[in-house]
């Protein structure tokens, strides 16, 4: 009985790791088989995506309704903004340090072809699409998560009234959240085979690119990203809850981290991230607000990637990347790429266009830095996802004080 209790929590993670390793080996050695596996990986991703929209609606709405007062909601929003900016700046400064020591474009030779057409960068034209959709049915899409979150916040505020109908509806929201967390749990029974198939395709698709001129960038990003993940996460967890905070974080972060790496989707990792934050003993009204919103506007992995892209462009054009003005600009632009641009539909491409626009690089290099996005995507997504897990702990520490662990 004691053996089962000791090793039980590690059994499912062991199965997932085994599935990922087998998938990677399959993609590397038996590449021709991956087209047959691709549909099974897509089935897993599609199942998660179908559960995301109702889960976000019920979790965010019930969280806001539970808060019950604009005062506490404002306090959570304030500290969430502070934490998001703080961790984003730390990620950007760390990335600047890395690319200064190890220039990512060193030894890279690229044949730059001019793309036929590039999109026009216009943030103002995107504002309505960021925050709203023209009709209710468009809320039922994972492509409009920020609009869905805003709608869910409004529903939660409306339901927080103390009358009888509000109480009944809040109970409905709580029940809906529990039901869709169970739906996610059922989907995870398929996860080992889904991860196997998806990772086989991922390794097969990225293999040729990783063996080309971008190998140095890949090694730099993955090495520094893993170092950042370990050190920064541990430091942030210590701030949130001292030694107990560190233990809670590292004991619960495996599932969202693996889901992010294998699916390369922050949105697909929301259910796993909510479950992890619950295990970290964060209050529901905090993590059900921080994680869905952070998925859109808080992406430390993308911030680090933005710095790498800027340094890469300066390197291939043999420009000075060490002046204070250039470094400060790179820090600001990388924060925009990882926050504001993340909330815009097709924001990844707009972020890359923003880099070209600010520094005056020719459109011909758009494809060159777009390839970087593809290569770093698995780890960048993992950093984007896990930074929201740790942020929910830090927000809990700031909102509830030193006693947040004992109150959970």
Protein backbone atom coordinates (compact mmCIF):
# COMPACT_ATOMS: atom_id res chain seq x y z
CA UNK A 1 0.00 0.00 0.00
CA UNK A 2 2.86 2.37 0.90
CA UNK A 3 4.60 1.59 -2.41
CA UNK A 4 1.46 2.49 -4.34
CA UNK A 5 1.15 5.74 -2.38
CA UNK A 6 4.79 6.62 -3.04
CA UNK A 7 4.96 5.87 -6.75
CA UNK A 8 1.32 6.45 -7.70
CA UNK A 9 1.67 10.18 -8.47
CA UNK A 10 4.62 9.45 -10.79
CA UNK A 11 2.98 6.67 -12.80
CA UNK A 12 1.08 8.87 -15.27
CA UNK A 13 4.02 11.31 -15.77
CA UNK A 14 6.23 8.27 -16.45
CA UNK A 15 3.79 7.06 -19.10
CA UNK A 16 3.73 10.51 -20.75
CA UNK A 17 7.53 10.78 -20.77
CA UNK A 18 7.78 7.32 -22.28
CA UNK A 19 5.21 8.25 -24.95
CA UNK A 20 7.11 11.45 -25.80
CA UNK A 21 10.45 9.64 -26.07
CA UNK A 22 8.96 6.92 -28.25
CA UNK A 23 7.26 9.55 -30.39
CA UNK A 24 10.53 11.44 -30.84
CA UNK A 25 12.39 8.28 -31.82
CA UNK A 26 9.61 7.36 -34.24
CA UNK A 27 9.70 10.80 -35.87
CA UNK A 28 13.49 10.73 -36.17
CA UNK A 29 14.05 7.17 -37.40
CA UNK A 30 10.74 6.38 -39.11
CA UNK A 31 9.76 9.71 -40.61
CA UNK A 32 7.68 8.21 -43.44
CA UNK A 33 5.29 6.80 -40.82
CA UNK A 34 4.43 10.22 -39.35
CA UNK A 35 1.70 11.10 -41.91
CA UNK A 36 -0.26 8.11 -40.58
CA UNK A 37 0.22 9.28 -36.98
CA UNK A 38 -0.63 12.94 -37.61
CA UNK A 39 -4.45 12.50 -37.49
CA UNK A 40 -4.22 10.84 -34.06
CA UNK A 41 -2.17 13.75 -32.70
CA UNK A 42 -4.67 16.20 -34.17
CA UNK A 43 -7.55 14.29 -32.55
CA UNK A 44 -5.98 14.86 -29.14
CA UNK A 45 -5.42 18.57 -29.84
CA UNK A 46 -8.94 19.00 -31.21
CA UNK A 47 -10.47 17.33 -28.15
CA UNK A 48 -8.66 19.78 -25.88
CA UNK A 49 -9.63 22.76 -28.03
CA UNK A 50 -13.31 21.78 -27.91
CA UNK A 51 -13.16 21.76 -24.11
CA UNK A 52 -11.27 25.05 -23.81
CA UNK A 53 -14.05 27.52 -24.65
CA UNK A 54 -16.65 26.26 -22.12
CA UNK A 55 -13.94 25.70 -19.52
CA UNK A 56 -12.69 29.29 -19.83
CA UNK A 57 -16.22 30.67 -19.71
CA UNK A 58 -17.24 28.72 -16.60
CA UNK A 59 -13.93 29.11 -14.74
CA UNK A 60 -13.52 32.87 -15.36
CA UNK A 61 -17.21 33.69 -14.76
CA UNK A 62 -17.39 31.65 -11.56
CA UNK A 63 -14.10 33.15 -10.34
CA UNK A 64 -15.32 36.72 -10.84
CA UNK A 65 -18.69 35.87 -9.27
CA UNK A 66 -16.93 34.34 -6.23
CA UNK A 67 -14.81 37.46 -5.72
CA UNK A 68 -18.06 39.32 -5.15
CA UNK A 69 -16.56 42.81 -4.96
CA UNK A 70 -14.95 45.16 -7.44
CA UNK A 71 -12.40 46.03 -4.76
CA UNK A 72 -10.83 42.56 -4.62
CA UNK A 73 -11.11 42.14 -8.40
CA UNK A 74 -9.24 45.41 -8.85
CA UNK A 75 -6.59 44.25 -6.36
CA UNK A 76 -6.06 40.99 -8.25
CA UNK A 77 -5.90 42.83 -11.59
CA UNK A 78 -3.40 45.36 -10.21
CA UNK A 79 -1.01 42.78 -8.79
CA UNK A 80 -1.44 40.57 -11.87
CA UNK A 81 -0.27 43.47 -14.05
CA UNK A 82 2.72 44.11 -11.77
CA UNK A 83 3.73 40.43 -11.80
CA UNK A 84 3.32 40.12 -15.58
CA UNK A 85 5.51 43.17 -16.21
CA UNK A 86 8.09 42.10 -13.63
CA UNK A 87 8.58 38.57 -14.98
CA UNK A 88 8.56 39.87 -18.57
CA UNK A 89 11.32 42.37 -17.82
CA UNK A 90 13.37 39.70 -16.02
CA UNK A 91 13.00 37.40 -19.07
CA UNK A 92 14.02 40.19 -21.47
CA UNK A 93 17.08 41.19 -19.41
CA UNK A 94 18.14 37.55 -19.14
CA UNK A 95 17.80 37.12 -22.93
CA UNK A 96 19.82 40.31 -23.58
CA UNK A 97 22.59 38.93 -21.37
CA UNK A 98 22.62 35.63 -23.26
CA UNK A 99 22.65 37.10 -26.79
CA UNK A 100 25.37 39.57 -25.79
CA UNK A 101 27.59 36.71 -24.60
CA UNK A 102 26.63 34.33 -27.43
CA UNK A 103 25.50 36.20 -30.61
CA UNK A 104 22.84 33.97 -32.23
CA UNK A 105 23.79 34.88 -35.80
CA UNK A 106 27.45 33.92 -35.50
CA UNK A 107 28.39 31.63 -38.36
CA UNK A 108 24.93 31.81 -39.95
CA UNK A 109 24.64 32.23 -43.71
CA UNK A 110 21.16 32.74 -45.10
CA UNK A 111 19.94 33.12 -48.69
CA UNK A 112 17.38 35.89 -48.21
CA UNK A 113 14.52 35.90 -50.68
CA UNK A 114 12.09 38.79 -50.86
CA UNK A 115 8.54 37.63 -50.05
CA UNK A 116 5.90 38.49 -52.60
CA UNK A 117 3.77 40.40 -50.10
CA UNK A 118 3.92 41.40 -46.47
CA UNK A 119 1.08 42.46 -44.21
CA UNK A 120 0.62 46.06 -43.14
CA UNK A 121 1.34 46.69 -39.47
CA UNK A 122 -1.56 48.57 -37.91
CA UNK A 123 -2.32 48.16 -34.24
CA UNK A 124 -5.26 50.58 -34.32
CA UNK A 125 -7.04 48.50 -36.94
CA UNK A 126 -6.73 45.47 -34.65
CA UNK A 127 -8.18 46.98 -31.44
CA UNK A 128 -11.78 45.91 -32.05
CA UNK A 129 -10.70 42.38 -33.00
CA UNK A 130 -8.54 42.07 -29.87
CA UNK A 131 -11.24 42.79 -27.32
CA UNK A 132 -14.54 41.96 -29.04
CA UNK A 133 -16.22 39.88 -31.74
CA UNK A 134 -19.14 41.00 -33.95
CA UNK A 135 -21.48 38.19 -32.91
CA UNK A 136 -21.93 35.73 -30.05
CA UNK A 137 -21.15 32.63 -32.10
CA UNK A 138 -17.59 33.85 -32.71
CA UNK A 139 -16.94 33.68 -28.97
CA UNK A 140 -17.15 29.90 -29.32
CA UNK A 141 -13.67 29.73 -30.86
CA UNK A 142 -10.25 29.39 -29.27
CA UNK A 143 -9.04 32.05 -31.74
CA UNK A 144 -10.95 34.74 -29.79
CA UNK A 145 -9.98 33.85 -26.23
CA UNK A 146 -9.44 37.43 -25.03
CA UNK A 147 -12.92 38.45 -26.22
CA UNK A 148 -14.31 35.35 -24.49
CA UNK A 149 -12.52 36.27 -21.25
CA UNK A 150 -13.91 39.80 -21.30
CA UNK A 151 -17.43 38.45 -21.92
CA UNK A 152 -16.94 35.94 -19.08
CA UNK A 153 -15.83 38.72 -16.73
CA UNK A 154 -19.01 40.68 -17.54
CA UNK A 155 -21.15 37.59 -16.89
CA UNK A 156 -19.34 36.97 -13.59
CA UNK A 157 -19.86 40.56 -12.47
CA UNK A 158 -23.55 40.40 -13.37
CA UNK A 159 -23.94 37.08 -11.51
CA UNK A 160 -22.22 38.36 -8.38
CA UNK A 161 -25.34 40.23 -7.28
CA UNK A 162 -26.71 38.93 -3.98
CA UNK A 163 -30.26 38.20 -5.16
CA UNK A 164 -31.71 34.71 -5.52
CA UNK A 165 -31.32 34.48 -9.30
CA UNK A 166 -27.66 35.50 -9.02
CA UNK A 167 -27.02 32.78 -6.45
CA UNK A 168 -28.65 30.11 -8.62
CA UNK A 169 -26.63 31.17 -11.65
CA UNK A 170 -23.35 31.22 -9.68
CA UNK A 171 -24.05 27.62 -8.59
CA UNK A 172 -24.58 26.77 -12.26
CA UNK A 173 -21.24 28.36 -13.18
CA UNK A 174 -19.41 26.43 -10.44
CA UNK A 175 -21.04 23.16 -11.53
CA UNK A 176 -20.10 23.87 -15.17
CA UNK A 177 -16.49 24.44 -14.18
CA UNK A 178 -16.34 21.15 -12.30
CA UNK A 179 -17.96 19.25 -15.19
CA UNK A 180 -15.53 20.55 -17.79
CA UNK A 181 -12.53 19.88 -15.58
CA UNK A 182 -13.79 16.27 -15.53
CA UNK A 183 -14.12 16.39 -19.31
CA UNK A 184 -10.46 17.40 -19.46
CA UNK A 185 -9.57 14.54 -17.12
CA UNK A 186 -11.33 12.10 -19.48
CA UNK A 187 -9.48 13.53 -22.50
CA UNK A 188 -6.19 12.97 -20.68
CA UNK A 189 -6.77 9.20 -20.80
CA UNK A 190 -6.00 9.57 -24.52
CA UNK A 191 -2.97 11.80 -23.80
CA UNK A 192 -0.19 9.15 -23.97
CA UNK A 193 -1.08 8.14 -27.53
CA UNK A 194 -1.88 11.75 -28.48
CA UNK A 195 1.51 12.93 -27.20
CA UNK A 196 3.25 10.04 -28.95
CA UNK A 197 1.68 10.88 -32.31
CA UNK A 198 2.04 14.65 -32.03
CA UNK A 199 5.68 14.52 -30.90
CA UNK A 200 6.60 12.11 -33.69
CA UNK A 201 5.23 14.59 -36.26
CA UNK A 202 6.90 17.53 -34.50
CA UNK A 203 10.36 15.94 -34.50
CA UNK A 204 9.99 14.83 -38.11
CA UNK A 205 8.89 18.31 -39.26
CA UNK A 206 11.55 20.25 -37.34
CA UNK A 207 14.42 17.86 -37.98
CA UNK A 208 15.61 19.23 -41.34
CA UNK A 209 15.45 22.84 -40.10
CA UNK A 210 17.37 22.08 -36.92
CA UNK A 211 20.14 20.49 -38.97
CA UNK A 212 20.50 23.58 -41.17
CA UNK A 213 21.80 27.07 -40.43
CA UNK A 214 19.55 27.54 -37.40
CA UNK A 215 21.20 24.88 -35.25
CA UNK A 216 23.17 27.47 -33.26
CA UNK A 217 20.03 29.47 -32.50
CA UNK A 218 18.19 26.32 -31.44
CA UNK A 219 21.01 25.23 -29.09
CA UNK A 220 21.30 28.72 -27.57
CA UNK A 221 17.57 29.17 -27.06
CA UNK A 222 16.87 25.70 -25.68
CA UNK A 223 19.90 25.72 -23.36
CA UNK A 224 19.31 29.23 -22.01
CA UNK A 225 15.54 28.70 -21.88
CA UNK A 226 15.87 25.59 -19.72
CA UNK A 227 18.33 27.38 -17.44
CA UNK A 228 15.94 30.33 -17.15
CA UNK A 229 13.00 28.03 -16.47
CA UNK A 230 14.77 26.27 -13.61
CA UNK A 231 16.38 29.29 -11.95
CA UNK A 232 13.62 31.90 -12.47
CA UNK A 233 10.78 29.53 -11.59
CA UNK A 234 12.52 28.45 -8.41
CA UNK A 235 13.24 32.06 -7.41
CA UNK A 236 9.68 33.19 -8.12
CA UNK A 237 8.26 30.20 -6.24
CA UNK A 238 10.48 31.01 -3.27
CA UNK A 239 9.15 34.57 -3.28
CA UNK A 240 5.59 33.26 -3.38
CA UNK A 241 5.84 30.67 -0.64
CA UNK A 242 9.44 30.11 0.50
CA UNK A 243 10.49 26.43 0.53
CA UNK A 244 6.90 25.20 0.47
CA UNK A 245 6.21 27.33 -2.61
CA UNK A 246 9.14 25.74 -4.43
CA UNK A 247 7.94 22.25 -3.52
CA UNK A 248 4.36 22.99 -4.62
CA UNK A 249 5.46 24.45 -7.94
CA UNK A 250 7.81 21.66 -8.98
CA UNK A 251 5.42 18.93 -7.85
CA UNK A 252 2.57 20.27 -10.00
CA UNK A 253 4.14 21.85 -13.08
CA UNK A 254 4.88 18.67 -15.05
CA UNK A 255 1.52 18.24 -16.80
CA UNK A 256 1.14 21.80 -18.17
CA UNK A 257 4.83 21.88 -19.17
CA UNK A 258 4.59 18.61 -21.12
CA UNK A 259 1.25 19.58 -22.67
CA UNK A 260 2.77 22.86 -23.87
CA UNK A 261 5.86 21.20 -25.36
CA UNK A 262 3.96 18.50 -27.20
CA UNK A 263 1.07 20.63 -28.52
CA UNK A 264 2.97 23.93 -29.00
CA UNK A 265 -0.23 25.68 -27.93
CA UNK A 266 -0.68 27.91 -24.88
CA UNK A 267 -4.44 27.69 -25.29
CA UNK A 268 -4.42 23.90 -25.32
CA UNK A 269 -2.47 23.99 -22.06
CA UNK A 270 -5.06 26.05 -20.16
CA UNK A 271 -6.91 23.06 -18.60
CA UNK A 272 -3.66 21.46 -17.43
CA UNK A 273 -2.46 24.82 -16.10
CA UNK A 274 -5.67 25.38 -14.13
CA UNK A 275 -5.32 21.94 -12.59
CA UNK A 276 -1.66 22.61 -11.71
CA UNK A 277 -2.47 25.96 -10.07
CA UNK A 278 -5.14 24.24 -7.99
CA UNK A 279 -2.53 21.72 -6.78
CA UNK A 280 -0.26 24.69 -5.98
CA UNK A 281 -2.98 25.75 -3.49
CA UNK A 282 -3.71 29.05 -5.24
CA UNK A 283 -7.21 30.38 -4.58
CA UNK A 284 -9.63 29.68 -7.49
CA UNK A 285 -10.60 33.33 -7.94
CA UNK A 286 -6.91 34.11 -8.55
CA UNK A 287 -5.74 31.31 -10.82
CA UNK A 288 -8.98 31.26 -12.81
CA UNK A 289 -8.35 34.92 -13.60
CA UNK A 290 -4.57 34.96 -14.00
CA UNK A 291 -4.09 31.86 -16.17
CA UNK A 292 -6.69 32.43 -18.93
CA UNK A 293 -5.75 36.12 -19.25
CA UNK A 294 -2.04 35.40 -18.92
CA UNK A 295 -2.30 32.89 -21.76
CA UNK A 296 -3.06 35.82 -24.06
CA UNK A 297 -0.95 38.71 -22.78
CA UNK A 298 1.85 37.17 -20.69
CA UNK A 299 4.42 35.16 -22.64
CA UNK A 300 7.93 35.15 -21.21
CA UNK A 301 9.09 32.56 -23.75
CA UNK A 302 8.00 34.86 -26.57
CA UNK A 303 9.77 37.78 -24.88
CA UNK A 304 13.03 35.82 -24.86
CA UNK A 305 12.38 34.77 -28.46
CA UNK A 306 11.84 38.42 -29.44
CA UNK A 307 15.27 39.37 -28.10
CA UNK A 308 16.84 36.45 -30.00
CA UNK A 309 15.19 37.58 -33.24
CA UNK A 310 16.38 41.16 -32.85
CA UNK A 311 19.93 40.07 -32.01
CA UNK A 312 19.86 37.64 -34.95
CA UNK A 313 18.91 40.43 -37.39
CA UNK A 314 21.62 42.73 -36.03
CA UNK A 315 24.10 39.88 -36.46
CA UNK A 316 23.31 38.97 -40.07
CA UNK A 317 23.51 42.67 -41.04
CA UNK A 318 26.71 43.15 -38.99
CA UNK A 319 25.27 45.96 -36.86
CA UNK A 320 26.31 46.97 -33.34
CA UNK A 321 24.00 45.37 -30.79
CA UNK A 322 25.87 46.52 -27.68
CA UNK A 323 24.92 50.21 -27.39
CA UNK A 324 22.61 51.13 -24.47
CA UNK A 325 19.99 52.66 -26.78
CA UNK A 326 19.75 49.52 -28.90
CA UNK A 327 19.55 47.27 -25.84
CA UNK A 328 16.79 49.35 -24.21
CA UNK A 329 14.83 49.41 -27.45
CA UNK A 330 15.23 45.65 -27.79
CA UNK A 331 13.93 45.20 -24.24
CA UNK A 332 10.84 47.30 -24.97
CA UNK A 333 10.09 45.70 -28.34
CA UNK A 334 10.49 42.18 -26.96
CA UNK A 335 7.97 43.00 -24.19
CA UNK A 336 5.50 44.21 -26.83
CA UNK A 337 6.06 41.06 -28.89
CA UNK A 338 5.34 38.89 -25.83
CA UNK A 339 2.35 40.87 -24.50
CA UNK A 340 0.36 43.20 -26.75
CA UNK A 341 1.08 41.33 -29.97
CA UNK A 342 0.14 38.07 -28.30
CA UNK A 343 -3.43 39.32 -27.91
CA UNK A 344 -3.82 40.17 -31.58
CA UNK A 345 -5.10 37.55 -34.04
CA UNK A 346 -2.04 36.38 -36.04
CA UNK A 347 0.00 38.35 -33.51
CA UNK A 348 3.16 36.33 -34.09
CA UNK A 349 3.59 37.66 -37.60
CA UNK A 350 2.65 41.17 -36.49
CA UNK A 351 5.31 40.97 -33.80
CA UNK A 352 7.92 40.10 -36.38
CA UNK A 353 6.71 42.93 -38.62
CA UNK A 354 6.97 45.28 -35.64
CA UNK A 355 10.64 44.35 -35.23
CA UNK A 356 11.32 45.05 -38.90
CA UNK A 357 9.39 48.33 -38.78
CA UNK A 358 11.09 49.72 -35.66
CA UNK A 359 14.64 48.99 -36.81
CA UNK A 360 14.08 49.55 -40.53
CA UNK A 361 15.12 46.06 -41.64
CA UNK A 362 14.06 45.06 -45.18
CA UNK A 363 10.96 42.85 -45.63
CA UNK A 364 13.18 40.17 -47.16
CA UNK A 365 14.24 39.01 -43.67
CA UNK A 366 10.69 38.35 -42.50
CA UNK A 367 10.88 34.68 -43.47
CA UNK A 368 14.29 34.37 -41.80
CA UNK A 369 12.97 35.33 -38.36
CA UNK A 370 9.67 33.52 -38.93
CA UNK A 371 11.74 30.32 -39.18
CA UNK A 372 13.17 31.07 -35.73
CA UNK A 373 9.62 31.12 -34.35
CA UNK A 374 9.00 27.64 -35.73
CA UNK A 375 12.20 26.20 -34.28
CA UNK A 376 11.87 27.65 -30.77
CA UNK A 377 8.09 27.13 -30.57
CA UNK A 378 8.00 24.03 -28.29
CA UNK A 379 10.16 25.49 -25.51
CA UNK A 380 8.80 29.03 -25.98
CA UNK A 381 5.28 27.70 -25.48
CA UNK A 382 6.37 25.80 -22.38
CA UNK A 383 7.88 28.98 -20.91
CA UNK A 384 4.75 30.95 -21.83
CA UNK A 385 2.55 28.43 -20.05
CA UNK A 386 4.61 27.84 -16.91
CA UNK A 387 5.25 31.55 -16.33
CA UNK A 388 1.49 31.90 -15.79
CA UNK A 389 1.49 29.04 -13.27
CA UNK A 390 4.17 30.72 -11.19
CA UNK A 391 2.55 34.13 -11.68
CA UNK A 392 -0.67 32.86 -10.10
CA UNK A 393 1.36 31.90 -7.02
CA UNK A 394 3.03 35.31 -6.89
CA UNK A 395 -0.28 37.14 -7.28
CA UNK A 396 -1.70 35.00 -4.44
CA UNK A 397 1.25 36.02 -2.27
CA UNK A 398 0.72 39.73 -3.03
CA UNK A 399 -3.08 39.67 -2.68
CA UNK A 400 -3.39 37.47 0.42
CA UNK A 401 -0.04 38.08 2.11
CA UNK A 402 2.19 35.52 3.80
CA UNK A 403 -0.79 33.44 4.91
CA UNK A 404 -2.03 32.57 1.40
CA UNK A 405 -0.82 28.98 1.65
CA UNK A 406 -2.56 28.34 4.94
CA UNK A 407 -5.76 29.97 3.68
CA UNK A 408 -5.97 27.83 0.52
